[in-house]
Protein backbone atom coordinates (compact mmCIF):
# COMPACT_ATOMS: atom_id res chain seq x y z
CA MET A 1 128.98 101.04 120.44
CA TYR A 2 126.59 98.15 119.88
CA GLU A 3 125.75 96.79 116.48
CA THR A 4 122.45 95.17 117.53
CA LEU A 5 121.37 97.25 120.53
CA GLU A 6 120.20 100.75 121.27
CA ILE A 7 120.62 101.89 124.88
CA LEU A 8 118.54 104.86 126.03
CA ARG A 9 118.85 106.49 129.45
CA ASP A 10 116.06 108.41 131.16
CA GLY A 11 117.24 109.51 134.60
CA PRO A 12 117.92 106.39 136.66
CA VAL A 13 116.27 104.06 134.12
CA ALA A 14 118.15 102.60 131.16
CA THR A 15 116.30 100.77 128.39
CA VAL A 16 118.22 98.22 126.34
CA TRP A 17 116.47 97.91 122.99
CA MET A 18 117.30 94.83 120.93
CA ASN A 19 117.39 96.49 117.55
CA ARG A 20 117.13 93.81 114.91
CA PRO A 21 113.44 94.05 114.04
CA GLU A 22 113.82 92.69 110.52
CA ARG A 23 115.02 89.42 112.12
CA HIS A 24 112.52 89.58 115.02
CA ASN A 25 115.47 90.33 117.35
CA ALA A 26 116.69 86.78 116.92
CA PHE A 27 120.00 85.83 118.50
CA ASN A 28 123.22 85.47 116.63
CA GLU A 29 126.75 85.71 118.02
CA GLN A 30 126.72 89.51 117.78
CA VAL A 31 123.43 89.89 119.67
CA ILE A 32 124.67 87.62 122.45
CA ASP A 33 127.95 89.53 122.72
CA ASP A 34 126.21 92.92 122.64
CA LEU A 35 123.74 91.94 125.36
CA SER A 36 126.50 90.62 127.61
CA ARG A 37 128.56 93.79 127.20
CA GLY A 38 125.59 96.15 127.36
CA ILE A 39 124.19 94.77 130.61
CA ALA A 40 127.70 94.71 132.13
CA GLU A 41 128.21 98.37 131.15
CA LEU A 42 124.95 99.41 132.79
CA THR A 43 125.76 97.37 135.88
CA ASP A 44 128.92 99.45 136.30
CA ASP A 45 127.12 102.77 135.67
CA VAL A 46 126.27 104.22 139.10
CA ALA A 47 123.73 106.60 137.55
CA VAL A 48 121.62 103.66 136.35
CA ARG A 49 119.28 102.19 138.95
CA VAL A 50 116.90 100.09 136.83
CA ILE A 51 117.40 98.26 133.52
CA VAL A 52 114.54 97.57 131.09
CA LEU A 53 115.05 95.00 128.33
CA ALA A 54 112.90 95.54 125.24
CA GLY A 55 112.70 94.65 121.56
CA ARG A 56 112.14 96.90 118.58
CA GLY A 57 109.52 95.94 116.04
CA LYS A 58 106.84 93.27 116.16
CA SER A 59 108.64 90.73 118.33
CA PHE A 60 110.44 90.82 121.66
CA SER A 61 112.80 88.09 120.45
CA ALA A 62 112.25 85.03 118.28
CA GLY A 63 115.13 83.18 119.92
CA ALA A 64 117.99 81.75 117.93
CA ASP A 65 118.56 83.09 114.43
CA LEU A 66 117.74 80.23 112.04
CA ALA A 67 120.87 80.83 109.99
CA ALA A 68 122.98 80.71 113.13
CA MET A 69 121.14 77.60 114.29
CA LYS A 70 121.75 75.87 110.97
CA ALA A 71 125.45 76.74 111.09
CA ALA A 72 125.66 75.39 114.65
CA GLY A 73 124.03 72.16 113.49
CA GLU A 74 126.78 71.71 110.92
CA ALA A 75 129.59 72.44 113.39
CA GLY A 76 131.37 70.02 115.68
CA PHE A 77 130.82 69.61 119.42
CA ASP A 78 133.59 71.97 120.52
CA GLU A 79 132.28 74.84 118.40
CA ASN A 80 128.72 74.14 119.56
CA PHE A 81 129.83 74.05 123.19
CA ALA A 82 131.69 77.35 122.90
CA ALA A 83 128.64 79.06 121.38
CA ALA A 84 126.30 77.59 124.00
CA ARG A 85 128.58 78.77 126.79
CA LYS A 86 128.40 82.33 125.46
CA MET A 87 124.61 82.13 125.48
CA ALA A 88 124.60 80.72 129.01
CA GLU A 89 126.97 83.45 130.18
CA MET A 90 124.79 86.18 128.64
CA LEU A 91 121.75 84.86 130.51
CA ARG A 92 123.78 84.70 133.72
CA VAL A 93 124.88 88.33 133.33
CA ILE A 94 121.22 89.36 133.09
CA ALA A 95 119.95 87.09 135.85
CA GLU A 96 122.73 88.05 138.30
CA CYS A 97 122.74 91.76 137.51
CA PRO A 98 122.69 93.48 140.92
CA LYS A 99 120.23 96.07 139.61
CA PRO A 100 116.53 95.35 139.04
CA THR A 101 115.69 94.24 135.51
CA ILE A 102 112.33 94.43 133.75
CA ALA A 103 111.44 92.57 130.54
CA ARG A 104 109.08 94.61 128.36
CA VAL A 105 107.45 92.01 126.11
CA GLN A 106 105.28 93.46 123.36
CA GLY A 107 105.16 90.47 121.00
CA ALA A 108 106.57 87.00 120.52
CA ALA A 109 109.17 85.75 123.01
CA LEU A 110 110.22 82.36 121.70
CA GLY A 111 112.98 79.99 122.74
CA GLY A 112 115.86 82.15 123.88
CA GLY A 113 113.52 85.14 123.87
CA LEU A 114 111.44 83.45 126.55
CA GLY A 115 114.71 82.76 128.37
CA LEU A 116 115.49 86.48 128.38
CA ALA A 117 112.08 87.27 129.87
CA ALA A 118 112.56 84.61 132.55
CA ALA A 119 116.09 85.80 133.40
CA CYS A 120 114.81 89.31 134.19
CA ASP A 121 113.48 90.01 137.69
CA ILE A 122 110.12 91.25 136.47
CA CYS A 123 108.25 90.59 133.23
CA VAL A 124 105.49 92.88 131.95
CA ALA A 125 103.76 91.77 128.76
CA SER A 126 101.22 93.08 126.32
CA THR A 127 98.08 90.97 126.03
CA VAL A 128 99.05 90.28 122.41
CA ALA A 129 102.44 88.85 123.44
CA SER A 130 103.08 85.13 123.25
CA PHE A 131 105.70 82.77 124.64
CA ALA A 132 106.99 79.31 123.79
CA THR A 133 109.91 76.99 124.31
CA THR A 134 109.95 75.97 120.66
CA GLU A 135 113.22 74.03 120.66
CA VAL A 136 111.83 70.48 120.44
CA LYS A 137 110.16 71.41 117.14
CA PHE A 138 113.68 71.70 115.70
CA GLY A 139 115.00 68.54 117.33
CA ILE A 140 116.86 70.37 120.12
CA THR A 141 116.11 71.29 123.75
CA PRO A 142 115.77 74.54 125.76
CA ALA A 143 118.89 73.64 127.73
CA THR A 144 120.59 77.00 128.34
CA ILE A 145 117.36 78.81 129.20
CA SER A 146 115.95 75.97 131.32
CA PRO A 147 117.35 77.08 134.73
CA TYR A 148 115.63 80.45 134.43
CA VAL A 149 112.37 79.15 132.97
CA LEU A 150 112.18 76.41 135.61
CA ARG A 151 112.77 79.02 138.30
CA ALA A 152 109.88 81.07 136.89
CA ILE A 153 107.24 78.41 136.19
CA GLY A 154 108.39 75.32 138.09
CA PRO A 155 108.93 71.77 136.85
CA ARG A 156 105.25 70.83 136.57
CA GLN A 157 104.41 73.56 134.06
CA ALA A 158 107.72 72.97 132.27
CA SER A 159 106.71 69.31 131.89
CA ARG A 160 104.01 70.49 129.53
CA TYR A 161 105.52 73.42 127.73
CA PHE A 162 109.09 72.10 127.22
CA LEU A 163 107.60 69.00 125.62
CA THR A 164 104.71 70.41 123.57
CA ALA A 165 106.35 73.67 122.40
CA GLU A 166 102.85 75.20 122.58
CA ARG A 167 102.35 78.93 122.32
CA ILE A 168 101.43 80.49 125.67
CA ASP A 169 99.40 83.69 125.55
CA ALA A 170 100.18 86.51 127.96
CA ARG A 171 97.32 85.81 130.34
CA ARG A 172 98.22 82.13 130.60
CA ALA A 173 101.85 83.15 131.08
CA ALA A 174 100.74 85.29 134.02
CA GLU A 175 98.78 82.37 135.49
CA ILE A 176 101.83 80.09 135.48
CA GLY A 177 104.22 82.71 136.88
CA LEU A 178 106.22 83.63 133.80
CA VAL A 179 104.64 87.10 133.50
CA HIS A 180 103.99 89.37 136.47
CA GLU A 181 101.56 91.70 134.72
CA ALA A 182 99.69 91.45 131.40
CA VAL A 183 98.29 94.74 130.11
CA GLU A 184 96.66 96.03 126.97
CA PRO A 185 99.20 97.06 124.28
CA GLU A 186 98.55 100.77 124.70
CA GLN A 187 99.20 100.46 128.46
CA LEU A 188 102.50 98.56 128.20
CA ASP A 189 104.90 101.51 128.33
CA ALA A 190 103.03 103.14 131.20
CA ALA A 191 103.06 99.89 133.20
CA VAL A 192 106.80 99.42 132.65
CA ALA A 193 107.51 103.07 133.52
CA ARG A 194 105.45 102.83 136.70
CA LEU A 195 107.37 99.77 137.87
CA ALA A 196 110.72 101.27 136.91
CA GLN A 197 110.03 104.44 138.89
CA THR A 198 108.83 102.40 141.86
CA LEU A 199 112.07 100.41 141.82
CA ALA A 200 114.22 103.53 141.37
CA ALA A 201 112.69 105.06 144.52
CA ASN A 202 114.06 102.22 146.66
CA GLY A 203 117.50 101.97 148.22
CA PRO A 204 120.03 100.77 145.63
CA SER A 205 122.06 98.68 148.08
CA ALA A 206 118.86 97.28 149.58
CA LEU A 207 117.66 96.23 146.13
CA GLU A 208 120.91 94.41 145.46
CA ALA A 209 120.73 92.71 148.85
CA ALA A 210 117.08 91.76 148.32
CA LYS A 211 117.98 90.12 145.01
CA ALA A 212 120.70 88.16 146.80
CA LEU A 213 118.14 86.91 149.35
CA ILE A 214 116.02 85.41 146.58
CA ARG A 215 119.02 83.86 144.87
CA ASP A 216 120.58 82.45 148.04
CA PHE A 217 117.57 81.32 150.09
CA ALA A 218 115.03 80.06 147.53
CA GLY A 219 114.45 76.33 147.92
CA ARG A 220 116.64 75.97 151.02
CA THR A 221 115.51 74.31 154.22
CA ILE A 222 114.89 76.91 156.94
CA ASP A 223 117.48 75.47 159.29
CA GLU A 224 119.80 77.15 161.80
CA PRO A 225 122.44 78.19 159.20
CA VAL A 226 119.73 79.89 157.12
CA ARG A 227 118.29 81.66 160.16
CA GLU A 228 121.74 82.80 161.24
CA ASP A 229 122.60 84.00 157.74
CA SER A 230 119.32 85.91 157.41
CA ALA A 231 119.83 87.57 160.82
CA ARG A 232 123.40 88.53 159.93
CA ARG A 233 122.25 90.08 156.65
CA ILE A 234 119.57 92.28 158.19
CA ALA A 235 121.93 93.35 160.99
CA THR A 236 124.57 94.30 158.44
CA ILE A 237 122.32 96.34 156.18
CA ARG A 238 120.34 97.89 159.03
CA SER A 239 123.53 99.52 160.30
CA SER A 240 124.47 100.87 156.86
CA ALA A 241 124.43 104.54 155.86
CA GLU A 242 121.72 103.83 153.30
CA ALA A 243 119.41 102.30 155.92
CA ARG A 244 120.00 105.20 158.31
CA GLU A 245 119.14 107.65 155.54
CA GLY A 246 116.04 105.69 154.55
CA LEU A 247 114.67 105.50 158.06
CA THR A 248 115.50 109.14 158.78
CA ALA A 249 113.82 110.26 155.55
CA PHE A 250 110.69 108.29 156.44
CA LEU A 251 110.50 109.79 159.92
CA GLU A 252 111.13 113.29 158.54
CA LYS A 253 108.49 112.73 155.84
CA ARG A 254 110.84 113.50 152.96
CA ALA A 255 112.27 111.59 150.02
CA PRO A 256 115.58 109.80 150.68
CA ARG A 257 118.65 111.39 149.16
CA TRP A 258 119.23 108.54 146.70
CA THR A 259 116.18 109.72 144.74
CA ASP A 260 117.71 113.12 144.00
């Protein structure tokens, strides 16, 4: 179904493999379209509880395909704008996916590849992985990925890395908030699997609602409307069937039914 992706399901966990290793999983129009459609398909699949985004081969993703970038440079504004909007929409589909997403970064995540890692809820990286917003080296800017990278590392760190295009190793990426966990290469799959299973054991509606809390409340003043909204949300979900099952399962010392 997908020219540039391989989607593998293992129980409640689906792994989306970018499968263009000979091009370091660089983006072209087909990759962007496949990722948008693939994540949307898994969002609609009730059997899938967690989505892992990974890259085949040496690199996670080297960002924009140089041939595609060169063609964009020779195109007019309207064509450039249309292509950029598709990229922005693909990142939105990942970032606003109601299901938890994990970036599994085993190698280089450059430009748009770093944007993919930042758009996911959780990023786990090998200690040999590296990151960079390389765009200024080519006379462009990390515009479409910037909302997600800024959300991850904040404006102060972006002030350095957007402007220098320096490589960031995995441990430094963890220090600045881009990576949640940096592990040795041989431990990467186990670390991702552990997190995925932890997520899959939690209430699916609660996970979606928790993601909405982060999206809707981050950066807002804690005023009366925010307090009222937060109280309304907990009251709504606390009276749901999922919450009743979760609390009952805990009191009865058994696994909740959504883990079956």
